[in-house]
Amino acid sequence: MLLLSILHSSAVCSAEGWALHKNKSGIKIYQKKHSTGLVEIKAKMELKSNINDFRALLEDTKNAYKWLDNVVSVKVLKRLSETENLVYSEFEAPWPVNNRDMFIHSKYQYNADGSLVIKMKTAEPNLIKGFKKNKENVLITEVIAHWQLTPLTPQRLEIIYIAYANPGGVLPNWLINQVALSGAYNTFEKLRLQLRPKS
């Protein structure tokens, strides 16, 4: 999900500049035009869950492929502090496009209202010095995103994901946005399945 953007939409833009692209099965996907021709995305849903369950899923990197669309692997390379991590992720791209990878600096921030914001951005060069990447992949060098988790009740959670990513290389914007659209929705569908209460 960290590669996501959204395809064009004829929906009316909101006051924030967001246009509703898709509203299906309780999952809403919005888009906002970026100066690069790509789009920033916002995905939103409510479900029966809590922040601790979501954080446990996010930190279970070995099973990230079960819900992050097109992800090959996710590894925490270094814990920078109690609330910050350096993360390396690889993503599968459709043939004949090379797979992508990225180094992300993530930071957890708990708020007074009980919500949690997880901010993510491309890691600075000094943080990734000495760490190796897959040479066959194209490195994504422009990512900014965040998760916003807000408890509505003790067992009901609102999840919002906002992201902009430029996958680099020579790819047409329409293709990047189209892949991003399906990825955003697919990720939230699989996320809901992973967080559903265990019977």
C-alpha atoms as a PDB file:
ATOM      1  CA  MET A   1       0.000   0.000   0.000  1.00  0.00           C
ATOM      2  CA  LEU A   2       2.915   2.377   0.357  1.00  0.00           C
ATOM      3  CA  LEU A   3       3.080   2.618  -3.575  1.00  0.00           C
ATOM      4  CA  LEU A   4      -0.522   3.724  -3.929  1.00  0.00           C
ATOM      5  CA  SER A   5      -2.146   6.570  -5.893  1.00  0.00           C
ATOM      6  CA  ILE A   6      -5.528   6.734  -7.662  1.00  0.00           C
ATOM      7  CA  LEU A   7      -6.864   6.915 -11.235  1.00  0.00           C
ATOM      8  CA  HIS A   8      -8.833   9.940 -12.458  1.00  0.00           C
ATOM      9  CA  SER A   9     -12.456  10.343 -11.349  1.00  0.00           C
ATOM     10  CA  SER A  10     -15.451  12.400 -12.411  1.00  0.00           C
ATOM     11  CA  ALA A  11     -16.589  12.771  -8.812  1.00  0.00           C
ATOM     12  CA  VAL A  12     -17.024  16.220  -7.317  1.00  0.00           C
ATOM     13  CA  CYS A  13     -14.060  17.434  -5.273  1.00  0.00           C
ATOM     14  CA  SER A  14     -14.458  18.084  -1.569  1.00  0.00           C
ATOM     15  CA  ALA A  15     -13.410  21.243   0.254  1.00  0.00           C
ATOM     16  CA  GLU A  16      -9.984  19.673   0.799  1.00  0.00           C
ATOM     17  CA  GLY A  17      -9.593  18.990  -2.916  1.00  0.00           C
ATOM     18  CA  TRP A  18     -10.375  15.274  -2.585  1.00  0.00           C
ATOM     19  CA  ALA A  19     -12.577  13.594  -5.179  1.00  0.00           C
ATOM     20  CA  LEU A  20     -14.438  10.417  -4.272  1.00  0.00           C
ATOM     21  CA  HIS A  21     -13.323   7.733  -6.716  1.00  0.00           C
ATOM     22  CA  LYS A  22     -14.914   4.595  -5.305  1.00  0.00           C
ATOM     23  CA  ASN A  23     -17.338   3.760  -2.513  1.00  0.00           C
ATOM     24  CA  LYS A  24     -17.924   0.037  -2.171  1.00  0.00           C
ATOM     25  CA  SER A  25     -18.483  -2.378   0.705  1.00  0.00           C
ATOM     26  CA  GLY A  26     -17.715   0.269   3.313  1.00  0.00           C
ATOM     27  CA  ILE A  27     -14.395   1.260   1.710  1.00  0.00           C
ATOM     28  CA  LYS A  28     -14.017   4.778   0.299  1.00  0.00           C
ATOM     29  CA  ILE A  29     -11.172   5.740  -2.032  1.00  0.00           C
ATOM     30  CA  TYR A  30     -10.439   9.405  -2.777  1.00  0.00           C
ATOM     31  CA  GLN A  31      -7.976  11.123  -5.094  1.00  0.00           C
ATOM     32  CA  LYS A  32      -6.268  14.503  -5.289  1.00  0.00           C
ATOM     33  CA  LYS A  33      -4.290  15.693  -8.319  1.00  0.00           C
ATOM     34  CA  HIS A  34      -0.553  16.229  -7.742  1.00  0.00           C
ATOM     35  CA  SER A  35       1.630  18.649  -9.679  1.00  0.00           C
ATOM     36  CA  THR A  36       3.532  15.671 -11.162  1.00  0.00           C
ATOM     37  CA  GLY A  37       0.431  14.386 -12.935  1.00  0.00           C
ATOM     38  CA  LEU A  38       0.142  11.551 -10.455  1.00  0.00           C
ATOM     39  CA  VAL A  39      -2.465  11.539  -7.717  1.00  0.00           C
ATOM     40  CA  GLU A  40      -2.382  11.522  -3.955  1.00  0.00           C
ATOM     41  CA  ILE A  41      -4.804   9.029  -2.440  1.00  0.00           C
ATOM     42  CA  LYS A  42      -6.926   8.693   0.652  1.00  0.00           C
ATOM     43  CA  ALA A  43      -8.501   5.377   1.648  1.00  0.00           C
ATOM     44  CA  LYS A  44     -10.981   5.161   4.514  1.00  0.00           C
ATOM     45  CA  MET A  45     -13.087   2.562   6.305  1.00  0.00           C
ATOM     46  CA  GLU A  46     -14.575   1.667   9.693  1.00  0.00           C
ATOM     47  CA  LEU A  47     -14.493  -1.822  11.155  1.00  0.00           C
ATOM     48  CA  LYS A  48     -14.712  -3.848  14.330  1.00  0.00           C
ATOM     49  CA  SER A  49     -11.137  -3.720  15.625  1.00  0.00           C
ATOM     50  CA  ASN A  50      -8.774  -1.676  17.773  1.00  0.00           C
ATOM     51  CA  ILE A  51      -5.436   0.097  17.530  1.00  0.00           C
ATOM     52  CA  ASN A  52      -3.473  -2.685  19.232  1.00  0.00           C
ATOM     53  CA  ASP A  53      -4.673  -5.261  16.699  1.00  0.00           C
ATOM     54  CA  PHE A  54      -3.776  -3.001  13.794  1.00  0.00           C
ATOM     55  CA  ARG A  55      -0.334  -2.233  15.166  1.00  0.00           C
ATOM     56  CA  ALA A  56       0.330  -5.946  15.747  1.00  0.00           C
ATOM     57  CA  LEU A  57      -0.622  -6.648  12.118  1.00  0.00           C
ATOM     58  CA  LEU A  58       1.559  -3.824  10.810  1.00  0.00           C
ATOM     59  CA  GLU A  59       4.562  -5.018  12.805  1.00  0.00           C
ATOM     60  CA  ASP A  60       4.113  -8.628  11.664  1.00  0.00           C
ATOM     61  CA  THR A  61       6.236  -7.931   8.598  1.00  0.00           C
ATOM     62  CA  LYS A  62       6.635 -11.610   7.627  1.00  0.00           C
ATOM     63  CA  ASN A  63       2.925 -11.704   6.830  1.00  0.00           C
ATOM     64  CA  ALA A  64       2.681  -8.310   5.129  1.00  0.00           C
ATOM     65  CA  TYR A  65       2.091 -10.052   1.788  1.00  0.00           C
ATOM     66  CA  LYS A  66      -1.288 -11.247   3.090  1.00  0.00           C
ATOM     67  CA  TRP A  67      -2.761  -7.759   3.019  1.00  0.00           C
ATOM     68  CA  LEU A  68      -0.427  -5.205   1.395  1.00  0.00           C
ATOM     69  CA  ASP A  69      -1.217  -5.407  -2.304  1.00  0.00           C
ATOM     70  CA  ASN A  70       1.712  -6.332  -4.573  1.00  0.00           C
ATOM     71  CA  VAL A  71       4.202  -6.466  -1.714  1.00  0.00           C
ATOM     72  CA  VAL A  72       7.014  -9.016  -1.987  1.00  0.00           C
ATOM     73  CA  SER A  73       8.663  -8.433   1.384  1.00  0.00           C
ATOM     74  CA  VAL A  74       8.865  -5.959   4.258  1.00  0.00           C
ATOM     75  CA  LYS A  75      11.816  -5.804   6.661  1.00  0.00           C
ATOM     76  CA  VAL A  76      12.535  -3.570   9.642  1.00  0.00           C
ATOM     77  CA  LEU A  77      16.215  -2.791   9.142  1.00  0.00           C
ATOM     78  CA  LYS A  78      16.749  -0.732  12.269  1.00  0.00           C
ATOM     79  CA  ARG A  79      14.814   0.557  15.269  1.00  0.00           C
ATOM     80  CA  LEU A  80      15.804   4.221  15.402  1.00  0.00           C
ATOM     81  CA  SER A  81      13.970   4.904  18.667  1.00  0.00           C
ATOM     82  CA  GLU A  82      10.992   3.578  20.641  1.00  0.00           C
ATOM     83  CA  THR A  83       8.685   5.211  18.096  1.00  0.00           C
ATOM     84  CA  GLU A  84      10.758   5.216  14.884  1.00  0.00           C
ATOM     85  CA  ASN A  85      11.854   2.519  12.430  1.00  0.00           C
ATOM     86  CA  LEU A  86      13.828   2.199   9.211  1.00  0.00           C
ATOM     87  CA  VAL A  87      11.923  -0.146   6.891  1.00  0.00           C
ATOM     88  CA  TYR A  88      12.823  -1.724   3.538  1.00  0.00           C
ATOM     89  CA  SER A  89      10.012  -2.945   1.270  1.00  0.00           C
ATOM     90  CA  GLU A  90       9.913  -4.620  -2.139  1.00  0.00           C
ATOM     91  CA  PHE A  91       6.929  -4.497  -4.497  1.00  0.00           C
ATOM     92  CA  GLU A  92       6.003  -6.607  -7.490  1.00  0.00           C
ATOM     93  CA  ALA A  93       5.331  -4.707 -10.718  1.00  0.00           C
ATOM     94  CA  PRO A  94       3.483  -6.015 -13.785  1.00  0.00           C
ATOM     95  CA  TRP A  95       5.692  -7.457 -16.529  1.00  0.00           C
ATOM     96  CA  PRO A  96       7.772  -6.089 -18.206  1.00  0.00           C
ATOM     97  CA  VAL A  97       8.218  -3.360 -15.573  1.00  0.00           C
ATOM     98  CA  ASN A  98      10.985  -3.849 -12.998  1.00  0.00           C
ATOM     99  CA  ASN A  99       9.946  -4.446  -9.412  1.00  0.00           C
ATOM    100  CA  ARG A 100      10.206  -1.478  -7.052  1.00  0.00           C
ATOM    101  CA  ASP A 101      11.677  -1.079  -3.582  1.00  0.00           C
ATOM    102  CA  MET A 102      11.995   1.673  -1.011  1.00  0.00           C
ATOM    103  CA  PHE A 103      13.564   2.668   2.284  1.00  0.00           C
ATOM    104  CA  ILE A 104      11.041   4.267   4.625  1.00  0.00           C
ATOM    105  CA  HIS A 105      11.451   6.205   7.864  1.00  0.00           C
ATOM    106  CA  SER A 106       8.319   5.583   9.956  1.00  0.00           C
ATOM    107  CA  LYS A 107       7.268   7.302  13.156  1.00  0.00           C
ATOM    108  CA  TYR A 108       4.454   6.473  15.609  1.00  0.00           C
ATOM    109  CA  GLN A 109       2.574   9.318  17.328  1.00  0.00           C
ATOM    110  CA  TYR A 110      -0.130   8.714  19.947  1.00  0.00           C
ATOM    111  CA  ASN A 111      -2.526  11.609  20.513  1.00  0.00           C
ATOM    112  CA  ALA A 112      -4.479  12.756  23.562  1.00  0.00           C
ATOM    113  CA  ASP A 113      -7.779  11.601  22.016  1.00  0.00           C
ATOM    114  CA  GLY A 114      -6.484   8.015  21.858  1.00  0.00           C
ATOM    115  CA  SER A 115      -5.789   8.066  18.134  1.00  0.00           C
ATOM    116  CA  LEU A 116      -2.558   6.900  16.538  1.00  0.00           C
ATOM    117  CA  VAL A 117      -0.819   8.465  13.538  1.00  0.00           C
ATOM    118  CA  ILE A 118       1.952   6.571  11.768  1.00  0.00           C
ATOM    119  CA  LYS A 119       3.944   8.893   9.524  1.00  0.00           C
ATOM    120  CA  MET A 120       6.093   7.517   6.703  1.00  0.00           C
ATOM    121  CA  LYS A 121       8.479   9.196   4.323  1.00  0.00           C
ATOM    122  CA  THR A 122      11.452   8.359   2.127  1.00  0.00           C
ATOM    123  CA  ALA A 123      14.445   7.757   4.395  1.00  0.00           C
ATOM    124  CA  GLU A 124      17.257  10.277   4.239  1.00  0.00           C
ATOM    125  CA  PRO A 125      20.503   9.011   2.613  1.00  0.00           C
ATOM    126  CA  ASN A 126      22.395   9.073   5.915  1.00  0.00           C
ATOM    127  CA  LEU A 127      19.899   6.597   7.427  1.00  0.00           C
ATOM    128  CA  ILE A 128      20.262   3.979   4.699  1.00  0.00           C
ATOM    129  CA  LYS A 129      24.030   4.157   4.383  1.00  0.00           C
ATOM    130  CA  GLY A 130      25.443   0.639   4.608  1.00  0.00           C
ATOM    131  CA  PHE A 131      22.144  -1.120   3.883  1.00  0.00           C
ATOM    132  CA  LYS A 132      21.872  -3.093   0.644  1.00  0.00           C
ATOM    133  CA  LYS A 133      18.937  -3.206  -1.768  1.00  0.00           C
ATOM    134  CA  ASN A 134      17.962  -5.594  -4.552  1.00  0.00           C
ATOM    135  CA  LYS A 135      19.952  -4.344  -7.542  1.00  0.00           C
ATOM    136  CA  GLU A 136      17.319  -5.567  -9.993  1.00  0.00           C
ATOM    137  CA  ASN A 137      14.674  -3.265  -8.490  1.00  0.00           C
ATOM    138  CA  VAL A 138      14.053   0.396  -9.221  1.00  0.00           C
ATOM    139  CA  LEU A 139      14.349   2.472  -6.048  1.00  0.00           C
ATOM    140  CA  ILE A 140      11.356   4.645  -5.156  1.00  0.00           C
ATOM    141  CA  THR A 141      12.789   7.950  -3.957  1.00  0.00           C
ATOM    142  CA  GLU A 142       9.637   9.997  -3.365  1.00  0.00           C
ATOM    143  CA  VAL A 143       7.146   8.750  -0.766  1.00  0.00           C
ATOM    144  CA  ILE A 144       5.122  10.541   1.858  1.00  0.00           C
ATOM    145  CA  ALA A 145       2.245   8.815   3.642  1.00  0.00           C
ATOM    146  CA  HIS A 146       0.508   8.259   6.943  1.00  0.00           C
ATOM    147  CA  TRP A 147      -1.976   5.983   8.677  1.00  0.00           C
ATOM    148  CA  GLN A 148      -4.512   7.608  10.996  1.00  0.00           C
ATOM    149  CA  LEU A 149      -6.258   5.256  13.429  1.00  0.00           C
ATOM    150  CA  THR A 150      -9.118   6.653  15.485  1.00  0.00           C
ATOM    151  CA  PRO A 151     -11.114   4.596  18.024  1.00  0.00           C
ATOM    152  CA  LEU A 152     -14.836   5.290  17.611  1.00  0.00           C
ATOM    153  CA  THR A 153     -15.714   2.916  20.468  1.00  0.00           C
ATOM    154  CA  PRO A 154     -13.507   0.483  22.437  1.00  0.00           C
ATOM    155  CA  GLN A 155     -13.992  -2.112  19.680  1.00  0.00           C
ATOM    156  CA  ARG A 156     -14.682  -0.007  16.585  1.00  0.00           C
ATOM    157  CA  LEU A 157     -11.918   1.675  14.606  1.00  0.00           C
ATOM    158  CA  GLU A 158     -11.736   4.239  11.805  1.00  0.00           C
ATOM    159  CA  ILE A 159      -8.747   3.673   9.511  1.00  0.00           C
ATOM    160  CA  ILE A 160      -7.537   6.365   7.104  1.00  0.00           C
ATOM    161  CA  TYR A 161      -4.524   6.035   4.842  1.00  0.00           C
ATOM    162  CA  ILE A 162      -3.182   9.015   2.867  1.00  0.00           C
ATOM    163  CA  ALA A 163      -0.261   8.617   0.493  1.00  0.00           C
ATOM    164  CA  TYR A 164       1.679   9.997  -2.431  1.00  0.00           C
ATOM    165  CA  ALA A 165       4.376   7.942  -4.141  1.00  0.00           C
ATOM    166  CA  ASN A 166       6.309   8.361  -7.363  1.00  0.00           C
ATOM    167  CA  PRO A 167       7.616   4.922  -8.423  1.00  0.00           C
ATOM    168  CA  GLY A 168      10.279   6.406 -10.700  1.00  0.00           C
ATOM    169  CA  GLY A 169      11.522   4.946 -13.938  1.00  0.00           C
ATOM    170  CA  VAL A 170       9.905   5.547 -17.313  1.00  0.00           C
ATOM    171  CA  LEU A 171       6.240   4.756 -16.727  1.00  0.00           C
ATOM    172  CA  PRO A 172       3.163   6.594 -18.007  1.00  0.00           C
ATOM    173  CA  ASN A 173       1.142   8.369 -15.349  1.00  0.00           C
ATOM    174  CA  TRP A 174      -2.079   6.629 -16.404  1.00  0.00           C
ATOM    175  CA  LEU A 175      -0.508   3.237 -15.695  1.00  0.00           C
ATOM    176  CA  ILE A 176       0.887   4.305 -12.325  1.00  0.00           C
ATOM    177  CA  ASN A 177      -2.488   5.708 -11.297  1.00  0.00           C
ATOM    178  CA  GLN A 178      -4.419   2.689 -12.556  1.00  0.00           C
ATOM    179  CA  VAL A 179      -2.250   0.210 -10.647  1.00  0.00           C
ATOM    180  CA  ALA A 180      -2.470   2.448  -7.591  1.00  0.00           C
ATOM    181  CA  LEU A 181      -6.260   2.526  -7.739  1.00  0.00           C
ATOM    182  CA  SER A 182      -6.678  -1.225  -7.651  1.00  0.00           C
ATOM    183  CA  GLY A 183      -3.926  -1.513  -5.025  1.00  0.00           C
ATOM    184  CA  ALA A 184      -5.620   0.909  -2.652  1.00  0.00           C
ATOM    185  CA  TYR A 185      -8.927  -0.899  -2.701  1.00  0.00           C
ATOM    186  CA  ASN A 186      -7.400  -4.389  -2.645  1.00  0.00           C
ATOM    187  CA  THR A 187      -5.216  -3.515   0.344  1.00  0.00           C
ATOM    188  CA  PHE A 188      -8.167  -2.271   2.389  1.00  0.00           C
ATOM    189  CA  GLU A 189     -10.245  -5.321   1.472  1.00  0.00           C
ATOM    190  CA  LYS A 190      -7.480  -7.658   2.630  1.00  0.00           C
ATOM    191  CA  LEU A 191      -6.768  -5.495   5.677  1.00  0.00           C
ATOM    192  CA  ARG A 192     -10.372  -5.877   6.792  1.00  0.00           C
ATOM    193  CA  LEU A 193     -10.129  -9.659   6.444  1.00  0.00           C
ATOM    194  CA  GLN A 194      -6.954  -9.751   8.511  1.00  0.00           C
ATOM    195  CA  LEU A 195      -8.489  -7.644  11.276  1.00  0.00           C
ATOM    196  CA  ARG A 196     -11.843  -9.380  11.459  1.00  0.00           C
ATOM    197  CA  PRO A 197     -12.606 -10.894  14.875  1.00  0.00           C
ATOM    198  CA  LYS A 198     -11.380 -14.467  15.262  1.00  0.00           C
ATOM    199  CA  SER A 199     -14.224 -16.901  15.899  1.00  0.00           C
END
